[in-house]
Amino acid sequence: LVAVISSAGGSTNYADSMKGRFTISRDNAKNTVYLQMNSLKPEDTAVY
């Protein structure tokens, strides 16, 4: 698990290793959820 977001976007949670670097968000008008990833490390290499 990387991150989770509530239906309206008002609540989010992250795995400890991602906290402070990753941000989950959503745009319900576009039916799209996003994951902004900053300060990436080699250990972040994966299929998402």
PDB file of all heavy atoms in Angstrom:
ATOM      1  N   LEU A   1       0.837  -1.195   0.000  1.00  0.00           N
ATOM      2  CA  LEU A   1       0.000   0.000   0.000  1.00  0.00           C
ATOM      3  C   LEU A   1       0.872   1.246   0.000  1.00  0.00           C
ATOM      4  O   LEU A   1       1.816   1.362   0.778  1.00  0.00           O
ATOM      5  CB  LEU A   1      -0.922   0.010   1.221  1.00  0.00           C
ATOM      6  CG  LEU A   1      -1.798   1.253   1.403  1.00  0.00           C
ATOM      7  CD1 LEU A   1      -2.824   1.366   0.291  1.00  0.00           C
ATOM      8  CD2 LEU A   1      -2.495   1.228   2.763  1.00  0.00           C
ATOM      9  N   VAL A   2       0.530   2.193  -0.862  1.00  0.00           N
ATOM     10  CA  VAL A   2       1.232   3.465  -0.939  1.00  0.00           C
ATOM     11  C   VAL A   2       0.427   4.575  -0.282  1.00  0.00           C
ATOM     12  O   VAL A   2       0.934   5.316   0.567  1.00  0.00           O
ATOM     13  CB  VAL A   2       1.551   3.833  -2.399  1.00  0.00           C
ATOM     14  CG1 VAL A   2       2.147   5.242  -2.493  1.00  0.00           C
ATOM     15  CG2 VAL A   2       2.501   2.812  -3.011  1.00  0.00           C
ATOM     16  N   ALA A   3      -0.842   4.710  -0.685  1.00  0.00           N
ATOM     17  CA  ALA A   3      -1.662   5.811  -0.199  1.00  0.00           C
ATOM     18  C   ALA A   3      -3.129   5.499  -0.414  1.00  0.00           C
ATOM     19  O   ALA A   3      -3.492   4.691  -1.272  1.00  0.00           O
ATOM     20  CB  ALA A   3      -1.304   7.122  -0.910  1.00  0.00           C
ATOM     21  N   VAL A   4      -3.980   6.152   0.371  1.00  0.00           N
ATOM     22  CA  VAL A   4      -5.425   6.005   0.243  1.00  0.00           C
ATOM     23  C   VAL A   4      -6.068   7.374   0.409  1.00  0.00           C
ATOM     24  O   VAL A   4      -5.561   8.224   1.155  1.00  0.00           O
ATOM     25  CB  VAL A   4      -5.980   4.998   1.281  1.00  0.00           C
ATOM     26  CG1 VAL A   4      -5.677   5.452   2.705  1.00  0.00           C
ATOM     27  CG2 VAL A   4      -7.470   4.762   1.084  1.00  0.00           C
ATOM     28  N   ILE A   5      -7.177   7.586  -0.288  1.00  0.00           N
ATOM     29  CA  ILE A   5      -7.893   8.849  -0.211  1.00  0.00           C
ATOM     30  C   ILE A   5      -9.384   8.568  -0.113  1.00  0.00           C
ATOM     31  O   ILE A   5      -9.903   7.658  -0.762  1.00  0.00           O
ATOM     32  CB  ILE A   5      -7.562   9.760  -1.416  1.00  0.00           C
ATOM     33  CG1 ILE A   5      -8.165  11.149  -1.246  1.00  0.00           C
ATOM     34  CG2 ILE A   5      -8.000   9.117  -2.727  1.00  0.00           C
ATOM     35  CD1 ILE A   5      -7.609  12.172  -2.239  1.00  0.00           C
ATOM     36  N   SER A   6     -10.089   9.341   0.700  1.00  0.00           N
ATOM     37  CA  SER A   6     -11.522   9.181   0.876  1.00  0.00           C
ATOM     38  C   SER A   6     -12.270   9.684  -0.352  1.00  0.00           C
ATOM     39  O   SER A   6     -11.713  10.331  -1.235  1.00  0.00           O
ATOM     40  CB  SER A   6     -11.991   9.920   2.126  1.00  0.00           C
ATOM     41  OG  SER A   6     -11.716  11.306   2.036  1.00  0.00           O
ATOM     42  N   SER A   7     -13.569   9.403  -0.392  1.00  0.00           N
ATOM     43  CA  SER A   7     -14.354   9.668  -1.593  1.00  0.00           C
ATOM     44  C   SER A   7     -14.371  11.139  -2.002  1.00  0.00           C
ATOM     45  O   SER A   7     -14.330  11.459  -3.195  1.00  0.00           O
ATOM     46  CB  SER A   7     -15.786   9.160  -1.410  1.00  0.00           C
ATOM     47  OG  SER A   7     -16.405   9.778  -0.297  1.00  0.00           O
ATOM     48  N   ALA A   8     -14.438  12.030  -1.019  1.00  0.00           N
ATOM     49  CA  ALA A   8     -14.465  13.457  -1.301  1.00  0.00           C
ATOM     50  C   ALA A   8     -13.080  14.092  -1.262  1.00  0.00           C
ATOM     51  O   ALA A   8     -12.949  15.293  -1.523  1.00  0.00           O
ATOM     52  CB  ALA A   8     -15.387  14.182  -0.326  1.00  0.00           C
ATOM     53  N   GLY A   9     -12.067  13.313  -0.922  1.00  0.00           N
ATOM     54  CA  GLY A   9     -10.716  13.825  -0.878  1.00  0.00           C
ATOM     55  C   GLY A   9     -10.318  14.488   0.423  1.00  0.00           C
ATOM     56  O   GLY A   9      -9.205  15.019   0.523  1.00  0.00           O
ATOM     57  N   GLY A  10     -11.192  14.445   1.430  1.00  0.00           N
ATOM     58  CA  GLY A  10     -10.925  15.141   2.671  1.00  0.00           C
ATOM     59  C   GLY A  10     -10.016  14.415   3.644  1.00  0.00           C
ATOM     60  O   GLY A  10      -9.557  15.020   4.620  1.00  0.00           O
ATOM     61  N   SER A  11      -9.763  13.141   3.400  1.00  0.00           N
ATOM     62  CA  SER A  11      -8.927  12.351   4.287  1.00  0.00           C
ATOM     63  C   SER A  11      -7.956  11.526   3.460  1.00  0.00           C
ATOM     64  O   SER A  11      -8.356  10.892   2.477  1.00  0.00           O
ATOM     65  CB  SER A  11      -9.792  11.445   5.163  1.00  0.00           C
ATOM     66  OG  SER A  11      -9.000  10.679   6.042  1.00  0.00           O
ATOM     67  N   THR A  12      -6.686  11.536   3.853  1.00  0.00           N
ATOM     68  CA  THR A  12      -5.658  10.750   3.171  1.00  0.00           C
ATOM     69  C   THR A  12      -4.781  10.046   4.190  1.00  0.00           C
ATOM     70  O   THR A  12      -4.689  10.453   5.351  1.00  0.00           O
ATOM     71  CB  THR A  12      -4.774  11.627   2.274  1.00  0.00           C
ATOM     72  OG1 THR A  12      -4.126  12.627   3.071  1.00  0.00           O
ATOM     73  CG2 THR A  12      -5.602  12.313   1.195  1.00  0.00           C
ATOM     74  N   ASN A  13      -4.118   8.978   3.751  1.00  0.00           N
ATOM     75  CA  ASN A  13      -3.180   8.267   4.602  1.00  0.00           C
ATOM     76  C   ASN A  13      -2.103   7.665   3.717  1.00  0.00           C
ATOM     77  O   ASN A  13      -2.352   7.347   2.551  1.00  0.00           O
ATOM     78  CB  ASN A  13      -3.889   7.192   5.417  1.00  0.00           C
ATOM     79  CG  ASN A  13      -3.153   6.829   6.688  1.00  0.00           C
ATOM     80  OD1 ASN A  13      -3.458   5.839   7.314  1.00  0.00           O
ATOM     81  ND2 ASN A  13      -2.168   7.623   7.090  1.00  0.00           N
ATOM     82  N   TYR A  14      -0.895   7.490   4.299  1.00  0.00           N
ATOM     83  CA  TYR A  14       0.263   7.041   3.551  1.00  0.00           C
ATOM     84  C   TYR A  14       1.046   6.007   4.340  1.00  0.00           C
ATOM     85  O   TYR A  14       1.064   6.025   5.573  1.00  0.00           O
ATOM     86  CB  TYR A  14       1.202   8.211   3.250  1.00  0.00           C
ATOM     87  CG  TYR A  14       0.547   9.350   2.513  1.00  0.00           C
ATOM     88  CD1 TYR A  14      -0.105  10.365   3.198  1.00  0.00           C
ATOM     89  CD2 TYR A  14       0.574   9.400   1.125  1.00  0.00           C
ATOM     90  CE1 TYR A  14      -0.709  11.406   2.518  1.00  0.00           C
ATOM     91  CE2 TYR A  14      -0.029  10.436   0.441  1.00  0.00           C
ATOM     92  CZ  TYR A  14      -0.671  11.439   1.145  1.00  0.00           C
ATOM     93  OH  TYR A  14      -1.274  12.474   0.462  1.00  0.00           O
ATOM     94  N   ALA A  15       1.716   5.128   3.621  1.00  0.00           N
ATOM     95  CA  ALA A  15       2.707   4.276   4.254  1.00  0.00           C
ATOM     96  C   ALA A  15       3.857   5.141   4.766  1.00  0.00           C
ATOM     97  O   ALA A  15       4.161   6.195   4.202  1.00  0.00           O
ATOM     98  CB  ALA A  15       3.227   3.238   3.262  1.00  0.00           C
ATOM     99  N   ASP A  16       4.511   4.696   5.837  1.00  0.00           N
ATOM    100  CA  ASP A  16       5.529   5.516   6.489  1.00  0.00           C
ATOM    101  C   ASP A  16       6.654   5.933   5.545  1.00  0.00           C
ATOM    102  O   ASP A  16       7.134   7.070   5.612  1.00  0.00           O
ATOM    103  CB  ASP A  16       6.116   4.774   7.690  1.00  0.00           C
ATOM    104  CG  ASP A  16       5.171   4.714   8.868  1.00  0.00           C
ATOM    105  OD1 ASP A  16       4.199   5.495   8.898  1.00  0.00           O
ATOM    106  OD2 ASP A  16       5.406   3.890   9.766  1.00  0.00           O
ATOM    107  N   SER A  17       7.083   5.043   4.675  1.00  0.00           N
ATOM    108  CA  SER A  17       8.199   5.361   3.795  1.00  0.00           C
ATOM    109  C   SER A  17       7.854   6.402   2.734  1.00  0.00           C
ATOM    110  O   SER A  17       8.753   6.999   2.138  1.00  0.00           O
ATOM    111  CB  SER A  17       8.728   4.090   3.124  1.00  0.00           C
ATOM    112  OG  SER A  17       7.740   3.501   2.299  1.00  0.00           O
ATOM    113  N   MET A  18       6.579   6.629   2.505  1.00  0.00           N
ATOM    114  CA  MET A  18       6.138   7.604   1.523  1.00  0.00           C
ATOM    115  C   MET A  18       5.707   8.930   2.141  1.00  0.00           C
ATOM    116  O   MET A  18       5.590   9.941   1.442  1.00  0.00           O
ATOM    117  CB  MET A  18       4.967   7.042   0.707  1.00  0.00           C
ATOM    118  CG  MET A  18       5.388   6.246  -0.517  1.00  0.00           C
ATOM    119  SD  MET A  18       6.230   4.691  -0.102  1.00  0.00           S
ATOM    120  CE  MET A  18       4.822   3.667   0.332  1.00  0.00           C
ATOM    121  N   LYS A  19       5.479   8.927   3.444  1.00  0.00           N
ATOM    122  CA  LYS A  19       4.965  10.101   4.135  1.00  0.00           C
ATOM    123  C   LYS A  19       5.929  11.276   3.982  1.00  0.00           C
ATOM    124  O   LYS A  19       7.125  11.157   4.210  1.00  0.00           O
ATOM    125  CB  LYS A  19       4.737   9.767   5.605  1.00  0.00           C
ATOM    126  CG  LYS A  19       3.755  10.672   6.320  1.00  0.00           C
ATOM    127  CD  LYS A  19       3.351  10.061   7.665  1.00  0.00           C
ATOM    128  CE  LYS A  19       2.620   8.737   7.480  1.00  0.00           C
ATOM    129  NZ  LYS A  19       2.202   8.131   8.778  1.00  0.00           N
ATOM    130  N   GLY A  20       5.393  12.420   3.575  1.00  0.00           N
ATOM    131  CA  GLY A  20       6.197  13.615   3.389  1.00  0.00           C
ATOM    132  C   GLY A  20       6.768  13.770   2.002  1.00  0.00           C
ATOM    133  O   GLY A  20       7.221  14.865   1.650  1.00  0.00           O
ATOM    134  N   ARG A  21       6.777  12.705   1.209  1.00  0.00           N
ATOM    135  CA  ARG A  21       7.299  12.750  -0.154  1.00  0.00           C
ATOM    136  C   ARG A  21       6.210  12.588  -1.207  1.00  0.00           C
ATOM    137  O   ARG A  21       6.310  13.170  -2.284  1.00  0.00           O
ATOM    138  CB  ARG A  21       8.357  11.669  -0.371  1.00  0.00           C
ATOM    139  CG  ARG A  21       9.569  11.792   0.536  1.00  0.00           C
ATOM    140  CD  ARG A  21      10.664  10.813   0.122  1.00  0.00           C
ATOM    141  NE  ARG A  21      10.210   9.418   0.215  1.00  0.00           N
ATOM    142  CZ  ARG A  21      10.217   8.551  -0.798  1.00  0.00           C
ATOM    143  NH1 ARG A  21      10.668   8.925  -1.991  1.00  0.00           N
ATOM    144  NH2 ARG A  21       9.806   7.306  -0.615  1.00  0.00           N
ATOM    145  N   PHE A  22       5.199  11.787  -0.898  1.00  0.00           N
ATOM    146  CA  PHE A  22       4.127  11.501  -1.846  1.00  0.00           C
ATOM    147  C   PHE A  22       2.845  12.190  -1.403  1.00  0.00           C
ATOM    148  O   PHE A  22       2.583  12.326  -0.204  1.00  0.00           O
ATOM    149  CB  PHE A  22       3.865   9.997  -1.938  1.00  0.00           C
ATOM    150  CG  PHE A  22       4.951   9.192  -2.591  1.00  0.00           C
ATOM    151  CD1 PHE A  22       6.186   9.740  -2.903  1.00  0.00           C
ATOM    152  CD2 PHE A  22       4.729   7.856  -2.901  1.00  0.00           C
ATOM    153  CE1 PHE A  22       7.183   8.982  -3.504  1.00  0.00           C
ATOM    154  CE2 PHE A  22       5.711   7.091  -3.498  1.00  0.00           C
ATOM    155  CZ  PHE A  22       6.937   7.648  -3.801  1.00  0.00           C
ATOM    156  N   THR A  23       2.034  12.591  -2.379  1.00  0.00           N
ATOM    157  CA  THR A  23       0.743  13.201  -2.099  1.00  0.00           C
ATOM    158  C   THR A  23      -0.311  12.595  -3.014  1.00  0.00           C
ATOM    159  O   THR A  23      -0.169  12.628  -4.240  1.00  0.00           O
ATOM    160  CB  THR A  23       0.777  14.721  -2.301  1.00  0.00           C
ATOM    161  OG1 THR A  23       1.779  15.300  -1.465  1.00  0.00           O
ATOM    162  CG2 THR A  23      -0.576  15.328  -1.942  1.00  0.00           C
ATOM    163  N   ILE A  24      -1.371  12.046  -2.421  1.00  0.00           N
ATOM    164  CA  ILE A  24      -2.499  11.547  -3.188  1.00  0.00           C
ATOM    165  C   ILE A  24      -3.573  12.628  -3.236  1.00  0.00           C
ATOM    166  O   ILE A  24      -3.809  13.333  -2.253  1.00  0.00           O
ATOM    167  CB  ILE A  24      -3.040  10.231  -2.595  1.00  0.00           C
ATOM    168  CG1 ILE A  24      -4.101   9.609  -3.507  1.00  0.00           C
ATOM    169  CG2 ILE A  24      -3.569  10.429  -1.182  1.00  0.00           C
ATOM    170  CD1 ILE A  24      -4.522   8.202  -3.088  1.00  0.00           C
ATOM    171  N   SER A  25      -4.219  12.767  -4.382  1.00  0.00           N
ATOM    172  CA  SER A  25      -5.293  13.738  -4.544  1.00  0.00           C
ATOM    173  C   SER A  25      -6.272  13.206  -5.583  1.00  0.00           C
ATOM    174  O   SER A  25      -6.006  12.197  -6.247  1.00  0.00           O
ATOM    175  CB  SER A  25      -4.752  15.113  -4.953  1.00  0.00           C
ATOM    176  OG  SER A  25      -4.096  15.050  -6.208  1.00  0.00           O
ATOM    177  N   ARG A  26      -7.405  13.882  -5.717  1.00  0.00           N
ATOM    178  CA  ARG A  26      -8.377  13.442  -6.711  1.00  0.00           C
ATOM    179  C   ARG A  26      -9.157  14.618  -7.255  1.00  0.00           C
ATOM    180  O   ARG A  26      -9.298  15.657  -6.597  1.00  0.00           O
ATOM    181  CB  ARG A  26      -9.334  12.397  -6.118  1.00  0.00           C
ATOM    182  CG  ARG A  26     -10.253  12.910  -5.024  1.00  0.00           C
ATOM    183  CD  ARG A  26     -10.931  11.739  -4.295  1.00  0.00           C
ATOM    184  NE  ARG A  26     -11.823  10.996  -5.171  1.00  0.00           N
ATOM    185  CZ  ARG A  26     -12.226   9.746  -4.950  1.00  0.00           C
ATOM    186  NH1 ARG A  26     -11.813   9.093  -3.869  1.00  0.00           N
ATOM    187  NH2 ARG A  26     -13.047   9.143  -5.808  1.00  0.00           N
ATOM    188  N   ASP A  27      -9.665  14.447  -8.459  1.00  0.00           N
ATOM    189  CA  ASP A  27     -10.541  15.416  -9.101  1.00  0.00           C
ATOM    190  C   ASP A  27     -11.786  14.653  -9.519  1.00  0.00           C
ATOM    191  O   ASP A  27     -11.792  13.962 -10.542  1.00  0.00           O
ATOM    192  CB  ASP A  27      -9.849  16.061 -10.294  1.00  0.00           C
ATOM    193  CG  ASP A  27     -10.669  17.182 -10.907  1.00  0.00           C
ATOM    194  OD1 ASP A  27     -11.891  17.241 -10.683  1.00  0.00           O
ATOM    195  OD2 ASP A  27     -10.079  18.014 -11.623  1.00  0.00           O
ATOM    196  N   ASN A  28     -12.836  14.746  -8.710  1.00  0.00           N
ATOM    197  CA  ASN A  28     -14.031  13.955  -8.975  1.00  0.00           C
ATOM    198  C   ASN A  28     -14.746  14.388 -10.257  1.00  0.00           C
ATOM    199  O   ASN A  28     -15.445  13.587 -10.874  1.00  0.00           O
ATOM    200  CB  ASN A  28     -14.983  14.016  -7.781  1.00  0.00           C
ATOM    201  CG  ASN A  28     -14.510  13.153  -6.627  1.00  0.00           C
ATOM    202  OD1 ASN A  28     -13.606  12.338  -6.776  1.00  0.00           O
ATOM    203  ND2 ASN A  28     -15.118  13.327  -5.465  1.00  0.00           N
ATOM    204  N   ALA A  29     -14.588  15.635 -10.655  1.00  0.00           N
ATOM    205  CA  ALA A  29     -15.176  16.097 -11.903  1.00  0.00           C
ATOM    206  C   ALA A  29     -14.534  15.430 -13.108  1.00  0.00           C
ATOM    207  O   ALA A  29     -15.156  15.316 -14.160  1.00  0.00           O
ATOM    208  CB  ALA A  29     -15.074  17.612 -12.017  1.00  0.00           C
ATOM    209  N   LYS A  30     -13.278  14.989 -12.950  1.00  0.00           N
ATOM    210  CA  LYS A  30     -12.557  14.322 -14.030  1.00  0.00           C
ATOM    211  C   LYS A  30     -12.441  12.818 -13.823  1.00  0.00           C
ATOM    212  O   LYS A  30     -11.812  12.138 -14.634  1.00  0.00           O
ATOM    213  CB  LYS A  30     -11.164  14.919 -14.179  1.00  0.00           C
ATOM    214  CG  LYS A  30     -11.155  16.376 -14.606  1.00  0.00           C
ATOM    215  CD  LYS A  30      -9.735  16.885 -14.773  1.00  0.00           C
ATOM    216  CE  LYS A  30      -9.727  18.321 -15.261  1.00  0.00           C
ATOM    217  NZ  LYS A  30      -8.338  18.827 -15.434  1.00  0.00           N
ATOM    218  N   ASN A  31     -13.030  12.293 -12.755  1.00  0.00           N
ATOM    219  CA  ASN A  31     -12.930  10.862 -12.428  1.00  0.00           C
ATOM    220  C   ASN A  31     -11.483  10.385 -12.427  1.00  0.00           C
ATOM    221  O   ASN A  31     -11.152   9.326 -12.972  1.00  0.00           O
ATOM    222  CB  ASN A  31     -13.764  10.026 -13.402  1.00  0.00           C
ATOM    223  CG  ASN A  31     -15.248  10.065 -13.108  1.00  0.00           C
ATOM    224  OD1 ASN A  31     -15.721  10.836 -12.276  1.00  0.00           O
ATOM    225  ND2 ASN A  31     -16.008   9.233 -13.800  1.00  0.00           N
ATOM    226  N   THR A  32     -10.626  11.161 -11.794  1.00  0.00           N
ATOM    227  CA  THR A  32      -9.198  10.879 -11.816  1.00  0.00           C
ATOM    228  C   THR A  32      -8.597  11.019 -10.422  1.00  0.00           C
ATOM    229  O   THR A  32      -8.917  11.968  -9.697  1.00  0.00           O
ATOM    230  CB  THR A  32      -8.470  11.814 -12.788  1.00  0.00           C
ATOM    231  OG1 THR A  32      -9.026  11.649 -14.103  1.00  0.00           O
ATOM    232  CG2 THR A  32      -6.989  11.493 -12.848  1.00  0.00           C
ATOM    233  N   VAL A  33      -7.729  10.077 -10.069  1.00  0.00           N
ATOM    234  CA  VAL A  33      -6.947  10.159  -8.847  1.00  0.00           C
ATOM    235  C   VAL A  33      -5.481  10.284  -9.235  1.00  0.00           C
ATOM    236  O   VAL A  33      -5.042   9.703 -10.231  1.00  0.00           O
ATOM    237  CB  VAL A  33      -7.208   8.944  -7.921  1.00  0.00           C
ATOM    238  CG1 VAL A  33      -6.805   7.637  -8.590  1.00  0.00           C
ATOM    239  CG2 VAL A  33      -6.505   9.115  -6.583  1.00  0.00           C
ATOM    240  N   TYR A  34      -4.722  11.057  -8.456  1.00  0.00           N
ATOM    241  CA  TYR A  34      -3.335  11.364  -8.763  1.00  0.00           C
ATOM    242  C   TYR A  34      -2.416  10.918  -7.630  1.00  0.00           C
ATOM    243  O   TYR A  34      -2.816  10.814  -6.478  1.00  0.00           O
ATOM    244  CB  TYR A  34      -3.142  12.866  -8.959  1.00  0.00           C
ATOM    245  CG  TYR A  34      -4.039  13.474 -10.006  1.00  0.00           C
ATOM    246  CD1 TYR A  34      -5.240  14.082  -9.644  1.00  0.00           C
ATOM    247  CD2 TYR A  34      -3.690  13.455 -11.348  1.00  0.00           C
ATOM    248  CE1 TYR A  34      -6.070  14.645 -10.601  1.00  0.00           C
ATOM    249  CE2 TYR A  34      -4.511  14.015 -12.306  1.00  0.00           C
ATOM    250  CZ  TYR A  34      -5.697  14.614 -11.932  1.00  0.00           C
ATOM    251  OH  TYR A  34      -6.517  15.175 -12.885  1.00  0.00           O
ATOM    252  N   LEU A  35      -1.169  10.689  -7.983  1.00  0.00           N
ATOM    253  CA  LEU A  35      -0.122  10.467  -6.998  1.00  0.00           C
ATOM    254  C   LEU A  35       1.081  11.314  -7.390  1.00  0.00           C
ATOM    255  O   LEU A  35       1.759  11.015  -8.378  1.00  0.00           O
ATOM    256  CB  LEU A  35       0.268   8.992  -6.907  1.00  0.00           C
ATOM    257  CG  LEU A  35       1.289   8.656  -5.824  1.00  0.00           C
ATOM    258  CD1 LEU A  35       0.684   8.835  -4.434  1.00  0.00           C
ATOM    259  CD2 LEU A  35       1.813   7.228  -5.987  1.00  0.00           C
ATOM    260  N   GLN A  36       1.327  12.373  -6.636  1.00  0.00           N
ATOM    261  CA  GLN A  36       2.500  13.207  -6.839  1.00  0.00           C
ATOM    262  C   GLN A  36       3.645  12.625  -6.029  1.00  0.00           C
ATOM    263  O   GLN A  36       3.531  12.471  -4.815  1.00  0.00           O
ATOM    264  CB  GLN A  36       2.225  14.645  -6.397  1.00  0.00           C
ATOM    265  CG  GLN A  36       3.420  15.581  -6.518  1.00  0.00           C
ATOM    266  CD  GLN A  36       3.822  15.842  -7.948  1.00  0.00           C
ATOM    267  OE1 GLN A  36       2.976  16.110  -8.790  1.00  0.00           O
ATOM    268  NE2 GLN A  36       5.115  15.746  -8.240  1.00  0.00           N
ATOM    269  N   MET A  37       4.757  12.311  -6.695  1.00  0.00           N
ATOM    270  CA  MET A  37       5.902  11.680  -6.057  1.00  0.00           C
ATOM    271  C   MET A  37       7.104  12.603  -6.180  1.00  0.00           C
ATOM    272  O   MET A  37       7.541  12.916  -7.292  1.00  0.00           O
ATOM    273  CB  MET A  37       6.197  10.328  -6.699  1.00  0.00           C
ATOM    274  CG  MET A  37       5.004   9.382  -6.711  1.00  0.00           C
ATOM    275  SD  MET A  37       5.424   7.724  -7.326  1.00  0.00           S
ATOM    276  CE  MET A  37       5.873   8.126  -9.019  1.00  0.00           C
ATOM    277  N   ASN A  38       7.630  13.033  -5.043  1.00  0.00           N
ATOM    278  CA  ASN A  38       8.797  13.906  -4.996  1.00  0.00           C
ATOM    279  C   ASN A  38       9.947  13.212  -4.278  1.00  0.00           C
ATOM    280  O   ASN A  38       9.752  12.235  -3.557  1.00  0.00           O
ATOM    281  CB  ASN A  38       8.454  15.216  -4.274  1.00  0.00           C
ATOM    282  CG  ASN A  38       7.364  16.007  -4.954  1.00  0.00           C
ATOM    283  OD1 ASN A  38       7.251  16.005  -6.179  1.00  0.00           O
ATOM    284  ND2 ASN A  38       6.561  16.704  -4.158  1.00  0.00           N
ATOM    285  N   SER A  39      11.140  13.740  -4.458  1.00  0.00           N
ATOM    286  CA  SER A  39      12.341  13.210  -3.804  1.00  0.00           C
ATOM    287  C   SER A  39      12.461  11.702  -3.988  1.00  0.00           C
ATOM    288  O   SER A  39      12.693  10.954  -3.040  1.00  0.00           O
ATOM    289  CB  SER A  39      12.326  13.576  -2.314  1.00  0.00           C
ATOM    290  OG  SER A  39      12.270  14.970  -2.134  1.00  0.00           O
ATOM    291  N   LEU A  40      12.307  11.271  -5.214  1.00  0.00           N
ATOM    292  CA  LEU A  40      12.280   9.840  -5.502  1.00  0.00           C
ATOM    293  C   LEU A  40      13.623   9.179  -5.229  1.00  0.00           C
ATOM    294  O   LEU A  40      14.687   9.770  -5.450  1.00  0.00           O
ATOM    295  CB  LEU A  40      11.855   9.608  -6.946  1.00  0.00           C
ATOM    296  CG  LEU A  40      10.358   9.797  -7.191  1.00  0.00           C
ATOM    297  CD1 LEU A  40      10.073   9.966  -8.673  1.00  0.00           C
ATOM    298  CD2 LEU A  40       9.574   8.613  -6.625  1.00  0.00           C
ATOM    299  N   LYS A  41      13.550   7.951  -4.755  1.00  0.00           N
ATOM    300  CA  LYS A  41      14.707   7.145  -4.408  1.00  0.00           C
ATOM    301  C   LYS A  41      14.713   5.872  -5.237  1.00  0.00           C
ATOM    302  O   LYS A  41      13.660   5.424  -5.700  1.00  0.00           O
ATOM    303  CB  LYS A  41      14.663   6.777  -2.922  1.00  0.00           C
ATOM    304  CG  LYS A  41      14.525   7.958  -1.979  1.00  0.00           C
ATOM    305  CD  LYS A  41      14.325   7.493  -0.549  1.00  0.00           C
ATOM    306  CE  LYS A  41      14.151   8.663   0.393  1.00  0.00           C
ATOM    307  NZ  LYS A  41      13.944   8.218   1.793  1.00  0.00           N
ATOM    308  N   PRO A  42      15.892   5.251  -5.429  1.00  0.00           N
ATOM    309  CA  PRO A  42      15.924   3.992  -6.180  1.00  0.00           C
ATOM    310  C   PRO A  42      14.979   2.931  -5.623  1.00  0.00           C
ATOM    311  O   PRO A  42      14.416   2.152  -6.399  1.00  0.00           O
ATOM    312  CB  PRO A  42      17.387   3.557  -6.058  1.00  0.00           C
ATOM    313  CG  PRO A  42      18.134   4.843  -5.938  1.00  0.00           C
ATOM    314  CD  PRO A  42      17.239   5.735  -5.109  1.00  0.00           C
ATOM    315  N   GLU A  43      14.779   2.906  -4.309  1.00  0.00           N
ATOM    316  CA  GLU A  43      13.889   1.923  -3.717  1.00  0.00           C
ATOM    317  C   GLU A  43      12.413   2.178  -4.011  1.00  0.00           C
ATOM    318  O   GLU A  43      11.560   1.361  -3.673  1.00  0.00           O
ATOM    319  CB  GLU A  43      14.113   1.817  -2.199  1.00  0.00           C
ATOM    320  CG  GLU A  43      14.092   3.148  -1.479  1.00  0.00           C
ATOM    321  CD  GLU A  43      15.484   3.713  -1.233  1.00  0.00           C
ATOM    322  OE1 GLU A  43      16.311   3.700  -2.167  1.00  0.00           O
ATOM    323  OE2 GLU A  43      15.753   4.163  -0.094  1.00  0.00           O
ATOM    324  N   ASP A  44      12.093   3.313  -4.646  1.00  0.00           N
ATOM    325  CA  ASP A  44      10.733   3.566  -5.103  1.00  0.00           C
ATOM    326  C   ASP A  44      10.436   2.885  -6.433  1.00  0.00           C
ATOM    327  O   ASP A  44       9.292   2.918  -6.895  1.00  0.00           O
ATOM    328  CB  ASP A  44      10.479   5.068  -5.246  1.00  0.00           C
ATOM    329  CG  ASP A  44      10.533   5.804  -3.926  1.00  0.00           C
ATOM    330  OD1 ASP A  44      10.012   5.274  -2.917  1.00  0.00           O
ATOM    331  OD2 ASP A  44      11.080   6.921  -3.897  1.00  0.00           O
ATOM    332  N   THR A  45      11.447   2.299  -7.057  1.00  0.00           N
ATOM    333  CA  THR A  45      11.261   1.612  -8.323  1.00  0.00           C
ATOM    334  C   THR A  45      10.270   0.462  -8.162  1.00  0.00           C
ATOM    335  O   THR A  45      10.461  -0.423  -7.327  1.00  0.00           O
ATOM    336  CB  THR A  45      12.594   1.088  -8.856  1.00  0.00           C
ATOM    337  OG1 THR A  45      13.452   2.196  -9.147  1.00  0.00           O
ATOM    338  CG2 THR A  45      12.395   0.270 -10.124  1.00  0.00           C
ATOM    339  N   ALA A  46       9.204   0.479  -8.948  1.00  0.00           N
ATOM    340  CA  ALA A  46       8.150  -0.522  -8.841  1.00  0.00           C
ATOM    341  C   ALA A  46       7.119  -0.263  -9.930  1.00  0.00           C
ATOM    342  O   ALA A  46       7.136   0.781 -10.593  1.00  0.00           O
ATOM    343  CB  ALA A  46       7.471  -0.462  -7.469  1.00  0.00           C
ATOM    344  N   VAL A  47       6.206  -1.208 -10.081  1.00  0.00           N
ATOM    345  CA  VAL A  47       4.997  -0.972 -10.855  1.00  0.00           C
ATOM    346  C   VAL A  47       3.950  -0.408  -9.907  1.00  0.00           C
ATOM    347  O   VAL A  47       3.689  -0.987  -8.848  1.00  0.00           O
ATOM    348  CB  VAL A  47       4.481  -2.249 -11.531  1.00  0.00           C
ATOM    349  CG1 VAL A  47       3.186  -1.970 -12.291  1.00  0.00           C
ATOM    350  CG2 VAL A  47       5.535  -2.812 -12.479  1.00  0.00           C
ATOM    351  N   TYR A  48       3.358   0.709 -10.271  1.00  0.00           N
ATOM    352  CA  TYR A  48       2.373   1.382  -9.434  1.00  0.00           C
ATOM    353  C   TYR A  48       0.975   1.123  -9.978  1.00  0.00           C
ATOM    354  O   TYR A  48       0.715   1.282 -11.172  1.00  0.00           O
ATOM    355  CB  TYR A  48       2.656   2.881  -9.380  1.00  0.00           C
ATOM    356  CG  TYR A  48       3.823   3.213  -8.477  1.00  0.00           C
ATOM    357  CD1 TYR A  48       5.125   2.905  -8.852  1.00  0.00           C
ATOM    358  CD2 TYR A  48       3.622   3.812  -7.236  1.00  0.00           C
ATOM    359  CE1 TYR A  48       6.192   3.179  -8.022  1.00  0.00           C
ATOM    360  CE2 TYR A  48       4.686   4.095  -6.394  1.00  0.00           C
ATOM    361  CZ  TYR A  48       5.972   3.775  -6.795  1.00  0.00           C
ATOM    362  OH  TYR A  48       7.027   4.060  -5.953  1.00  0.00           O
TER     363      TYR A  48
END
